[in-house]
Amino acid sequence: MNTEVEVVRVRKLIVLLVAVAVLAPMAASAGASSTSARSDCAKLRAAMGAAAFSQAYSTFGACVSRYAPIEQQVTSSANATCTAQQADPDFAATHGGKTFDQFYGSGKKERNAFNNCLSIVAKANRQAEQQGRMNPAQTCRAIRKELGVPLFDLSYGKNKNDRNAFGKCVSATARLQAHNELSASATCSTEQSDPSFAGNHGGQTFDQFYGTNADQSNAFGKCVSSTAKAASTVHTQAIVHAARTCKAQRRSDPAGLKTKYKRFSARVKDLSSNS
């Protein structure tokens, strides 16, 4: 009887150890993503200024929540890159004659090569993303300059005198930017794992096509930043076009426009979303 109890205890212990082994890396990855997201938001706040940042995000944590999934994609991409490098028989030929362990390993015993690779590659990609990240406040200033203050205020304002237009623009642009980066991360992850990528990109691999640093390890970050920026630019152009179209509609049929849309900004949003 005691033997059966011991067997059950051993089995439970094995299950517990397996669970810990599986969940520990996941928890570490999630923690690293959250830490990196806080760094993203701190740098974004510094670039935007505290006032504009508070218009974009109700709290600092709200910003972190938006960027944590993006940073998780960076971690996953770094894992894919390092796995591929570790298995690459030609690694030494492109890394000064050093093997994967020699290049990334620490000390005489070349320890922690894979984890060191993850850290280096993820950092390179995060820097690439941060450097290419658009500033929502600057984007809104550019839109306001192109449209002129009266039309800009009409296009974004949601209170009686449209005085909250700039804040609403910053908030909407920040949400869109984070959305575009997350979407770009998914797109770039698919491209990175696509075996036919080179065949569709002039014979260049994903790293060769996007990478800009010495070993092209920042390819994922460059892919994300360029893809997200392109999407944001298209949306900005759609907003400008929609605002001018709505201005013309208000001149030709002011009653009809007001009947269908309570606010001018609602029509601009609807038209730009369907562009």
C-alpha atoms as a PDB file:
ATOM      1  CA  MET A   1       0.000   0.000   0.000  1.00  0.00           C
ATOM      2  CA  ASN A   2       2.818   2.376   0.932  1.00  0.00           C
ATOM      3  CA  THR A   3       4.521   1.515  -2.330  1.00  0.00           C
ATOM      4  CA  GLU A   4       1.439   2.597  -4.301  1.00  0.00           C
ATOM      5  CA  VAL A   5       1.321   5.883  -2.399  1.00  0.00           C
ATOM      6  CA  GLU A   6       4.979   6.524  -3.188  1.00  0.00           C
ATOM      7  CA  VAL A   7       4.373   5.797  -6.885  1.00  0.00           C
ATOM      8  CA  VAL A   8       1.533   8.326  -6.942  1.00  0.00           C
ATOM      9  CA  ARG A   9       3.725  10.908  -5.223  1.00  0.00           C
ATOM     10  CA  VAL A  10       6.550  10.341  -7.684  1.00  0.00           C
ATOM     11  CA  ARG A  11       4.182  10.701 -10.623  1.00  0.00           C
ATOM     12  CA  LYS A  12       2.815  13.969  -9.238  1.00  0.00           C
ATOM     13  CA  LEU A  13       6.342  15.239  -8.729  1.00  0.00           C
ATOM     14  CA  ILE A  14       7.270  14.365 -12.317  1.00  0.00           C
ATOM     15  CA  VAL A  15       4.204  16.194 -13.632  1.00  0.00           C
ATOM     16  CA  LEU A  16       5.077  19.222 -11.502  1.00  0.00           C
ATOM     17  CA  LEU A  17       8.690  19.280 -12.711  1.00  0.00           C
ATOM     18  CA  VAL A  18       7.608  18.998 -16.345  1.00  0.00           C
ATOM     19  CA  ALA A  19       5.133  21.851 -15.864  1.00  0.00           C
ATOM     20  CA  VAL A  20       7.831  24.024 -14.325  1.00  0.00           C
ATOM     21  CA  ALA A  21      10.222  23.215 -17.172  1.00  0.00           C
ATOM     22  CA  VAL A  22       7.612  24.216 -19.742  1.00  0.00           C
ATOM     23  CA  LEU A  23       6.218  27.284 -18.010  1.00  0.00           C
ATOM     24  CA  ALA A  24       9.462  28.807 -16.721  1.00  0.00           C
ATOM     25  CA  PRO A  25      10.764  29.870 -20.169  1.00  0.00           C
ATOM     26  CA  MET A  26       7.311  31.190 -21.037  1.00  0.00           C
ATOM     27  CA  ALA A  27       7.180  33.260 -17.849  1.00  0.00           C
ATOM     28  CA  ALA A  28      10.706  34.555 -18.471  1.00  0.00           C
ATOM     29  CA  SER A  29       9.775  35.482 -22.029  1.00  0.00           C
ATOM     30  CA  ALA A  30       6.629  37.281 -20.885  1.00  0.00           C
ATOM     31  CA  GLY A  31       8.642  39.146 -18.250  1.00  0.00           C
ATOM     32  CA  ALA A  32      11.243  40.215 -20.799  1.00  0.00           C
ATOM     33  CA  SER A  33       8.511  41.397 -23.167  1.00  0.00           C
ATOM     34  CA  SER A  34       6.906  43.487 -20.434  1.00  0.00           C
ATOM     35  CA  THR A  35      10.261  45.013 -19.490  1.00  0.00           C
ATOM     36  CA  SER A  36      11.003  45.872 -23.116  1.00  0.00           C
ATOM     37  CA  ALA A  37       7.511  47.329 -23.541  1.00  0.00           C
ATOM     38  CA  ARG A  38       8.132  49.617 -20.568  1.00  0.00           C
ATOM     39  CA  SER A  39      11.350  50.736 -22.246  1.00  0.00           C
ATOM     40  CA  ASP A  40       9.423  51.365 -25.484  1.00  0.00           C
ATOM     41  CA  CYS A  41       6.886  53.495 -23.674  1.00  0.00           C
ATOM     42  CA  ALA A  42       9.495  55.426 -21.698  1.00  0.00           C
ATOM     43  CA  LYS A  43      11.298  56.341 -24.922  1.00  0.00           C
ATOM     44  CA  LEU A  44       8.040  57.184 -26.661  1.00  0.00           C
ATOM     45  CA  ARG A  45       7.011  59.425 -23.759  1.00  0.00           C
ATOM     46  CA  ALA A  46      10.390  61.180 -23.901  1.00  0.00           C
ATOM     47  CA  ALA A  47      10.042  61.730 -27.650  1.00  0.00           C
ATOM     48  CA  MET A  48       6.418  62.902 -27.504  1.00  0.00           C
ATOM     49  CA  GLY A  49       6.580  64.897 -24.309  1.00  0.00           C
ATOM     50  CA  ALA A  50       4.558  64.118 -21.180  1.00  0.00           C
ATOM     51  CA  ALA A  51       1.490  66.137 -22.215  1.00  0.00           C
ATOM     52  CA  ALA A  52       1.093  64.511 -25.633  1.00  0.00           C
ATOM     53  CA  PHE A  53       1.859  61.078 -24.176  1.00  0.00           C
ATOM     54  CA  SER A  54      -0.937  61.477 -21.625  1.00  0.00           C
ATOM     55  CA  GLN A  55      -3.292  62.331 -24.483  1.00  0.00           C
ATOM     56  CA  ALA A  56      -2.273  59.141 -26.273  1.00  0.00           C
ATOM     57  CA  TYR A  57      -2.463  56.834 -23.259  1.00  0.00           C
ATOM     58  CA  SER A  58      -4.585  57.182 -20.145  1.00  0.00           C
ATOM     59  CA  THR A  59      -1.808  55.588 -18.073  1.00  0.00           C
ATOM     60  CA  PHE A  60       1.748  54.393 -18.608  1.00  0.00           C
ATOM     61  CA  GLY A  61       0.492  50.853 -18.084  1.00  0.00           C
ATOM     62  CA  ALA A  62      -1.957  51.259 -20.963  1.00  0.00           C
ATOM     63  CA  CYS A  63       0.979  51.943 -23.256  1.00  0.00           C
ATOM     64  CA  VAL A  64       2.872  48.936 -21.886  1.00  0.00           C
ATOM     65  CA  SER A  65      -0.147  46.705 -22.521  1.00  0.00           C
ATOM     66  CA  ARG A  66      -0.203  47.754 -26.168  1.00  0.00           C
ATOM     67  CA  TYR A  67       3.490  47.161 -26.765  1.00  0.00           C
ATOM     68  CA  ALA A  68       3.984  43.946 -24.762  1.00  0.00           C
ATOM     69  CA  PRO A  69       2.511  41.722 -27.546  1.00  0.00           C
ATOM     70  CA  ILE A  70       4.788  43.450 -30.067  1.00  0.00           C
ATOM     71  CA  GLU A  71       7.825  42.758 -27.902  1.00  0.00           C
ATOM     72  CA  GLN A  72       6.730  39.141 -27.551  1.00  0.00           C
ATOM     73  CA  GLN A  73       6.914  38.851 -31.335  1.00  0.00           C
ATOM     74  CA  VAL A  74      10.449  40.254 -31.218  1.00  0.00           C
ATOM     75  CA  THR A  75      11.426  37.558 -28.717  1.00  0.00           C
ATOM     76  CA  SER A  76       9.879  34.835 -30.874  1.00  0.00           C
ATOM     77  CA  SER A  77      11.672  36.144 -33.944  1.00  0.00           C
ATOM     78  CA  ALA A  78      15.014  36.208 -32.106  1.00  0.00           C
ATOM     79  CA  ASN A  79      14.448  32.583 -31.116  1.00  0.00           C
ATOM     80  CA  ALA A  80      13.827  31.660 -34.755  1.00  0.00           C
ATOM     81  CA  THR A  81      16.930  33.575 -35.894  1.00  0.00           C
ATOM     82  CA  CYS A  82      19.216  31.990 -33.296  1.00  0.00           C
ATOM     83  CA  THR A  83      17.849  28.512 -33.959  1.00  0.00           C
ATOM     84  CA  ALA A  84      18.587  28.970 -37.665  1.00  0.00           C
ATOM     85  CA  GLN A  85      22.071  30.357 -36.983  1.00  0.00           C
ATOM     86  CA  GLN A  86      22.901  27.523 -34.608  1.00  0.00           C
ATOM     87  CA  ALA A  87      21.953  24.964 -37.254  1.00  0.00           C
ATOM     88  CA  ASP A  88      23.650  26.803 -40.133  1.00  0.00           C
ATOM     89  CA  PRO A  89      26.670  24.790 -41.380  1.00  0.00           C
ATOM     90  CA  ASP A  90      28.093  27.975 -42.937  1.00  0.00           C
ATOM     91  CA  PHE A  91      27.849  30.064 -39.762  1.00  0.00           C
ATOM     92  CA  ALA A  92      31.618  30.243 -39.229  1.00  0.00           C
ATOM     93  CA  ALA A  93      32.190  31.436 -42.803  1.00  0.00           C
ATOM     94  CA  THR A  94      30.090  34.550 -42.156  1.00  0.00           C
ATOM     95  CA  HIS A  95      31.238  35.167 -38.582  1.00  0.00           C
ATOM     96  CA  GLY A  96      35.002  35.511 -38.765  1.00  0.00           C
ATOM     97  CA  GLY A  97      35.693  31.782 -38.699  1.00  0.00           C
ATOM     98  CA  LYS A  98      33.978  31.308 -35.345  1.00  0.00           C
ATOM     99  CA  THR A  99      31.401  28.643 -34.588  1.00  0.00           C
ATOM    100  CA  PHE A 100      28.049  29.581 -33.090  1.00  0.00           C
ATOM    101  CA  ASP A 101      29.275  28.737 -29.567  1.00  0.00           C
ATOM    102  CA  GLN A 102      32.559  30.586 -30.076  1.00  0.00           C
ATOM    103  CA  PHE A 103      30.810  33.675 -31.419  1.00  0.00           C
ATOM    104  CA  TYR A 104      28.094  33.958 -28.752  1.00  0.00           C
ATOM    105  CA  GLY A 105      29.427  31.884 -25.859  1.00  0.00           C
ATOM    106  CA  SER A 106      30.812  33.349 -22.642  1.00  0.00           C
ATOM    107  CA  GLY A 107      34.181  32.437 -21.137  1.00  0.00           C
ATOM    108  CA  LYS A 108      36.580  29.662 -22.022  1.00  0.00           C
ATOM    109  CA  LYS A 109      33.788  27.084 -22.008  1.00  0.00           C
ATOM    110  CA  GLU A 110      31.662  29.194 -24.366  1.00  0.00           C
ATOM    111  CA  ARG A 111      28.605  28.914 -22.139  1.00  0.00           C
ATOM    112  CA  ASN A 112      25.096  30.287 -22.716  1.00  0.00           C
ATOM    113  CA  ALA A 113      25.692  30.797 -26.426  1.00  0.00           C
ATOM    114  CA  PHE A 114      22.037  30.435 -27.362  1.00  0.00           C
ATOM    115  CA  ASN A 115      20.736  32.729 -24.623  1.00  0.00           C
ATOM    116  CA  ASN A 116      23.401  35.302 -25.460  1.00  0.00           C
ATOM    117  CA  CYS A 117      22.353  35.122 -29.092  1.00  0.00           C
ATOM    118  CA  LEU A 118      18.719  35.695 -28.085  1.00  0.00           C
ATOM    119  CA  SER A 119      19.663  38.759 -26.078  1.00  0.00           C
ATOM    120  CA  ILE A 120      21.849  40.281 -28.821  1.00  0.00           C
ATOM    121  CA  VAL A 121      19.438  39.623 -31.683  1.00  0.00           C
ATOM    122  CA  ALA A 122      16.371  40.791 -29.744  1.00  0.00           C
ATOM    123  CA  LYS A 123      18.180  44.001 -28.752  1.00  0.00           C
ATOM    124  CA  ALA A 124      19.149  44.710 -32.372  1.00  0.00           C
ATOM    125  CA  ASN A 125      15.557  44.230 -33.507  1.00  0.00           C
ATOM    126  CA  ARG A 126      14.104  46.361 -30.718  1.00  0.00           C
ATOM    127  CA  GLN A 127      16.479  49.184 -31.586  1.00  0.00           C
ATOM    128  CA  ALA A 128      15.478  48.936 -35.233  1.00  0.00           C
ATOM    129  CA  GLU A 129      11.787  49.134 -34.317  1.00  0.00           C
ATOM    130  CA  GLN A 130      12.259  52.024 -31.906  1.00  0.00           C
ATOM    131  CA  GLN A 131      14.331  54.027 -34.384  1.00  0.00           C
ATOM    132  CA  GLY A 132      11.659  53.616 -37.053  1.00  0.00           C
ATOM    133  CA  ARG A 133       8.701  54.221 -34.725  1.00  0.00           C
ATOM    134  CA  MET A 134       6.546  57.181 -35.703  1.00  0.00           C
ATOM    135  CA  ASN A 135       5.758  59.874 -33.140  1.00  0.00           C
ATOM    136  CA  PRO A 136       1.942  60.289 -32.903  1.00  0.00           C
ATOM    137  CA  ALA A 137       2.223  63.927 -31.839  1.00  0.00           C
ATOM    138  CA  GLN A 138       4.487  64.774 -34.787  1.00  0.00           C
ATOM    139  CA  THR A 139       2.147  62.922 -37.144  1.00  0.00           C
ATOM    140  CA  CYS A 140      -0.807  64.980 -35.921  1.00  0.00           C
ATOM    141  CA  ARG A 141       1.127  68.230 -36.250  1.00  0.00           C
ATOM    142  CA  ALA A 142       1.921  67.283 -39.853  1.00  0.00           C
ATOM    143  CA  ILE A 143      -1.748  66.506 -40.575  1.00  0.00           C
ATOM    144  CA  ARG A 144      -2.829  69.783 -38.961  1.00  0.00           C
ATOM    145  CA  LYS A 145      -0.330  71.703 -41.060  1.00  0.00           C
ATOM    146  CA  GLU A 146      -1.512  70.043 -44.277  1.00  0.00           C
ATOM    147  CA  LEU A 147      -5.225  70.482 -43.581  1.00  0.00           C
ATOM    148  CA  GLY A 148      -5.064  73.826 -41.816  1.00  0.00           C
ATOM    149  CA  VAL A 149      -6.290  74.318 -38.260  1.00  0.00           C
ATOM    150  CA  PRO A 150     -10.043  74.817 -39.007  1.00  0.00           C
ATOM    151  CA  LEU A 151     -10.396  71.643 -41.093  1.00  0.00           C
ATOM    152  CA  PHE A 152      -8.130  69.675 -38.737  1.00  0.00           C
ATOM    153  CA  ASP A 153     -10.269  70.661 -35.747  1.00  0.00           C
ATOM    154  CA  LEU A 154     -13.446  69.655 -37.589  1.00  0.00           C
ATOM    155  CA  SER A 155     -11.903  66.328 -38.608  1.00  0.00           C
ATOM    156  CA  TYR A 156     -10.857  65.269 -35.121  1.00  0.00           C
ATOM    157  CA  GLY A 157     -12.793  67.416 -32.649  1.00  0.00           C
ATOM    158  CA  LYS A 158     -15.477  65.778 -30.540  1.00  0.00           C
ATOM    159  CA  ASN A 159     -16.508  68.493 -28.103  1.00  0.00           C
ATOM    160  CA  LYS A 160     -18.541  71.657 -28.615  1.00  0.00           C
ATOM    161  CA  ASN A 161     -15.785  73.841 -30.032  1.00  0.00           C
ATOM    162  CA  ASP A 162     -13.582  71.031 -31.386  1.00  0.00           C
ATOM    163  CA  ARG A 163     -10.884  72.194 -28.974  1.00  0.00           C
ATOM    164  CA  ASN A 164      -9.933  68.624 -28.115  1.00  0.00           C
ATOM    165  CA  ALA A 165      -9.030  67.860 -31.742  1.00  0.00           C
ATOM    166  CA  PHE A 166      -5.277  67.542 -31.258  1.00  0.00           C
ATOM    167  CA  GLY A 167      -5.624  65.265 -28.245  1.00  0.00           C
ATOM    168  CA  LYS A 168      -8.125  63.070 -30.081  1.00  0.00           C
ATOM    169  CA  CYS A 169      -5.789  62.884 -33.072  1.00  0.00           C
ATOM    170  CA  VAL A 170      -2.838  61.865 -30.892  1.00  0.00           C
ATOM    171  CA  SER A 171      -4.898  59.218 -29.097  1.00  0.00           C
ATOM    172  CA  ALA A 172      -6.261  57.746 -32.332  1.00  0.00           C
ATOM    173  CA  THR A 173      -2.862  57.830 -34.025  1.00  0.00           C
ATOM    174  CA  ALA A 174      -1.155  56.129 -31.075  1.00  0.00           C
ATOM    175  CA  ARG A 175      -3.733  53.320 -31.093  1.00  0.00           C
ATOM    176  CA  LEU A 176      -3.358  52.925 -34.845  1.00  0.00           C
ATOM    177  CA  GLN A 177       0.431  52.918 -34.608  1.00  0.00           C
ATOM    178  CA  ALA A 178       0.472  50.130 -32.026  1.00  0.00           C
ATOM    179  CA  HIS A 179      -2.081  48.191 -34.079  1.00  0.00           C
ATOM    180  CA  ASN A 180       0.012  48.585 -37.220  1.00  0.00           C
ATOM    181  CA  GLU A 181       3.171  47.427 -35.435  1.00  0.00           C
ATOM    182  CA  LEU A 182       1.434  44.343 -34.059  1.00  0.00           C
ATOM    183  CA  SER A 183      -0.005  43.558 -37.478  1.00  0.00           C
ATOM    184  CA  ALA A 184       3.411  44.144 -39.068  1.00  0.00           C
ATOM    185  CA  SER A 185       4.996  41.809 -36.509  1.00  0.00           C
ATOM    186  CA  ALA A 186       2.648  39.026 -37.570  1.00  0.00           C
ATOM    187  CA  THR A 187       3.301  39.724 -41.254  1.00  0.00           C
ATOM    188  CA  CYS A 188       7.077  39.759 -40.776  1.00  0.00           C
ATOM    189  CA  SER A 189       6.971  36.585 -38.682  1.00  0.00           C
ATOM    190  CA  THR A 190       5.187  34.843 -41.558  1.00  0.00           C
ATOM    191  CA  GLU A 191       7.718  36.183 -44.061  1.00  0.00           C
ATOM    192  CA  GLN A 192      10.634  35.135 -41.874  1.00  0.00           C
ATOM    193  CA  SER A 193       9.419  31.532 -41.778  1.00  0.00           C
ATOM    194  CA  ASP A 194       8.411  31.401 -45.455  1.00  0.00           C
ATOM    195  CA  PRO A 195      10.677  28.895 -47.271  1.00  0.00           C
ATOM    196  CA  SER A 196       9.876  30.547 -50.607  1.00  0.00           C
ATOM    197  CA  PHE A 197      10.777  34.080 -49.466  1.00  0.00           C
ATOM    198  CA  ALA A 198      14.021  34.240 -51.446  1.00  0.00           C
ATOM    199  CA  GLY A 199      12.274  33.060 -54.586  1.00  0.00           C
ATOM    200  CA  ASN A 200       9.908  36.023 -54.347  1.00  0.00           C
ATOM    201  CA  HIS A 201      12.541  38.595 -53.381  1.00  0.00           C
ATOM    202  CA  GLY A 202      15.247  38.422 -56.022  1.00  0.00           C
ATOM    203  CA  GLY A 203      17.067  35.492 -54.436  1.00  0.00           C
ATOM    204  CA  GLN A 204      17.586  37.310 -51.131  1.00  0.00           C
ATOM    205  CA  THR A 205      16.796  35.676 -47.806  1.00  0.00           C
ATOM    206  CA  PHE A 206      14.644  37.474 -45.235  1.00  0.00           C
ATOM    207  CA  ASP A 207      17.756  38.635 -43.363  1.00  0.00           C
ATOM    208  CA  GLN A 208      19.466  39.823 -46.547  1.00  0.00           C
ATOM    209  CA  PHE A 209      16.380  41.675 -47.741  1.00  0.00           C
ATOM    210  CA  TYR A 210      15.650  43.567 -44.524  1.00  0.00           C
ATOM    211  CA  GLY A 211      18.825  43.439 -42.431  1.00  0.00           C
ATOM    212  CA  THR A 212      21.040  46.502 -42.233  1.00  0.00           C
ATOM    213  CA  ASN A 213      23.590  45.735 -39.510  1.00  0.00           C
ATOM    214  CA  ALA A 214      26.792  43.680 -39.873  1.00  0.00           C
ATOM    215  CA  ASP A 215      25.219  40.232 -39.536  1.00  0.00           C
ATOM    216  CA  GLN A 216      21.729  41.316 -40.670  1.00  0.00           C
ATOM    217  CA  SER A 217      20.324  40.240 -37.302  1.00  0.00           C
ATOM    218  CA  ASN A 218      18.090  43.332 -37.119  1.00  0.00           C
ATOM    219  CA  ALA A 219      16.065  42.158 -40.136  1.00  0.00           C
ATOM    220  CA  PHE A 220      12.880  41.493 -38.188  1.00  0.00           C
ATOM    221  CA  GLY A 221      12.910  44.917 -36.545  1.00  0.00           C
ATOM    222  CA  LYS A 222      13.531  46.643 -39.870  1.00  0.00           C
ATOM    223  CA  CYS A 223      10.740  44.639 -41.470  1.00  0.00           C
ATOM    224  CA  VAL A 224       8.305  45.601 -38.703  1.00  0.00           C
ATOM    225  CA  SER A 225       9.219  49.293 -38.689  1.00  0.00           C
ATOM    226  CA  SER A 226       9.056  49.692 -42.477  1.00  0.00           C
ATOM    227  CA  THR A 227       5.811  47.711 -42.800  1.00  0.00           C
ATOM    228  CA  ALA A 228       4.116  49.564 -39.931  1.00  0.00           C
ATOM    229  CA  LYS A 229       5.311  52.935 -41.198  1.00  0.00           C
ATOM    230  CA  ALA A 230       3.930  52.218 -44.664  1.00  0.00           C
ATOM    231  CA  ALA A 231       0.537  51.311 -43.186  1.00  0.00           C
ATOM    232  CA  SER A 232       0.485  54.439 -41.014  1.00  0.00           C
ATOM    233  CA  THR A 233       1.414  56.624 -43.989  1.00  0.00           C
ATOM    234  CA  VAL A 234      -1.436  55.174 -46.049  1.00  0.00           C
ATOM    235  CA  HIS A 235      -3.876  55.885 -43.213  1.00  0.00           C
ATOM    236  CA  THR A 236      -2.625  59.463 -42.830  1.00  0.00           C
ATOM    237  CA  GLN A 237      -3.128  60.049 -46.537  1.00  0.00           C
ATOM    238  CA  ALA A 238      -6.632  58.556 -46.242  1.00  0.00           C
ATOM    239  CA  ILE A 239      -7.472  60.945 -43.391  1.00  0.00           C
ATOM    240  CA  VAL A 240      -6.336  63.978 -45.383  1.00  0.00           C
ATOM    241  CA  HIS A 241      -8.277  62.858 -48.459  1.00  0.00           C
ATOM    242  CA  ALA A 242     -11.387  62.102 -46.382  1.00  0.00           C
ATOM    243  CA  ALA A 243     -11.283  65.483 -44.654  1.00  0.00           C
ATOM    244  CA  ARG A 244     -11.089  67.355 -47.949  1.00  0.00           C
ATOM    245  CA  THR A 245     -13.826  65.210 -49.482  1.00  0.00           C
ATOM    246  CA  CYS A 246     -16.103  65.854 -46.498  1.00  0.00           C
ATOM    247  CA  LYS A 247     -15.389  69.578 -46.725  1.00  0.00           C
ATOM    248  CA  ALA A 248     -16.569  69.532 -50.340  1.00  0.00           C
ATOM    249  CA  GLN A 249     -19.659  67.491 -49.403  1.00  0.00           C
ATOM    250  CA  ARG A 250     -20.542  69.957 -46.649  1.00  0.00           C
ATOM    251  CA  ARG A 251     -20.445  72.769 -49.170  1.00  0.00           C
ATOM    252  CA  SER A 252     -22.672  70.955 -51.671  1.00  0.00           C
ATOM    253  CA  ASP A 253     -25.093  69.287 -49.246  1.00  0.00           C
ATOM    254  CA  PRO A 254     -24.650  70.521 -45.661  1.00  0.00           C
ATOM    255  CA  ALA A 255     -28.091  69.347 -44.536  1.00  0.00           C
ATOM    256  CA  GLY A 256     -27.614  65.844 -45.906  1.00  0.00           C
ATOM    257  CA  LEU A 257     -24.213  65.471 -44.274  1.00  0.00           C
ATOM    258  CA  LYS A 258     -25.502  66.668 -40.908  1.00  0.00           C
ATOM    259  CA  THR A 259     -28.547  64.401 -41.098  1.00  0.00           C
ATOM    260  CA  LYS A 260     -26.475  61.271 -41.637  1.00  0.00           C
ATOM    261  CA  TYR A 261     -23.582  62.223 -39.354  1.00  0.00           C
ATOM    262  CA  LYS A 262     -24.008  64.137 -36.127  1.00  0.00           C
ATOM    263  CA  ARG A 263     -20.411  65.357 -36.282  1.00  0.00           C
ATOM    264  CA  PHE A 264     -18.117  66.163 -39.208  1.00  0.00           C
ATOM    265  CA  SER A 265     -15.373  64.077 -37.582  1.00  0.00           C
ATOM    266  CA  ALA A 266     -17.610  60.975 -37.646  1.00  0.00           C
ATOM    267  CA  ARG A 267     -17.950  61.272 -41.427  1.00  0.00           C
ATOM    268  CA  VAL A 268     -14.185  61.726 -41.828  1.00  0.00           C
ATOM    269  CA  LYS A 269     -13.518  58.636 -39.717  1.00  0.00           C
ATOM    270  CA  ASP A 270     -16.051  56.576 -41.654  1.00  0.00           C
ATOM    271  CA  LEU A 271     -14.765  57.693 -45.052  1.00  0.00           C
ATOM    272  CA  SER A 272     -11.075  57.206 -44.199  1.00  0.00           C
ATOM    273  CA  SER A 273     -11.741  53.738 -42.771  1.00  0.00           C
ATOM    274  CA  ASN A 274     -13.321  52.651 -46.039  1.00  0.00           C
ATOM    275  CA  SER A 275     -10.641  54.151 -48.278  1.00  0.00           C
END
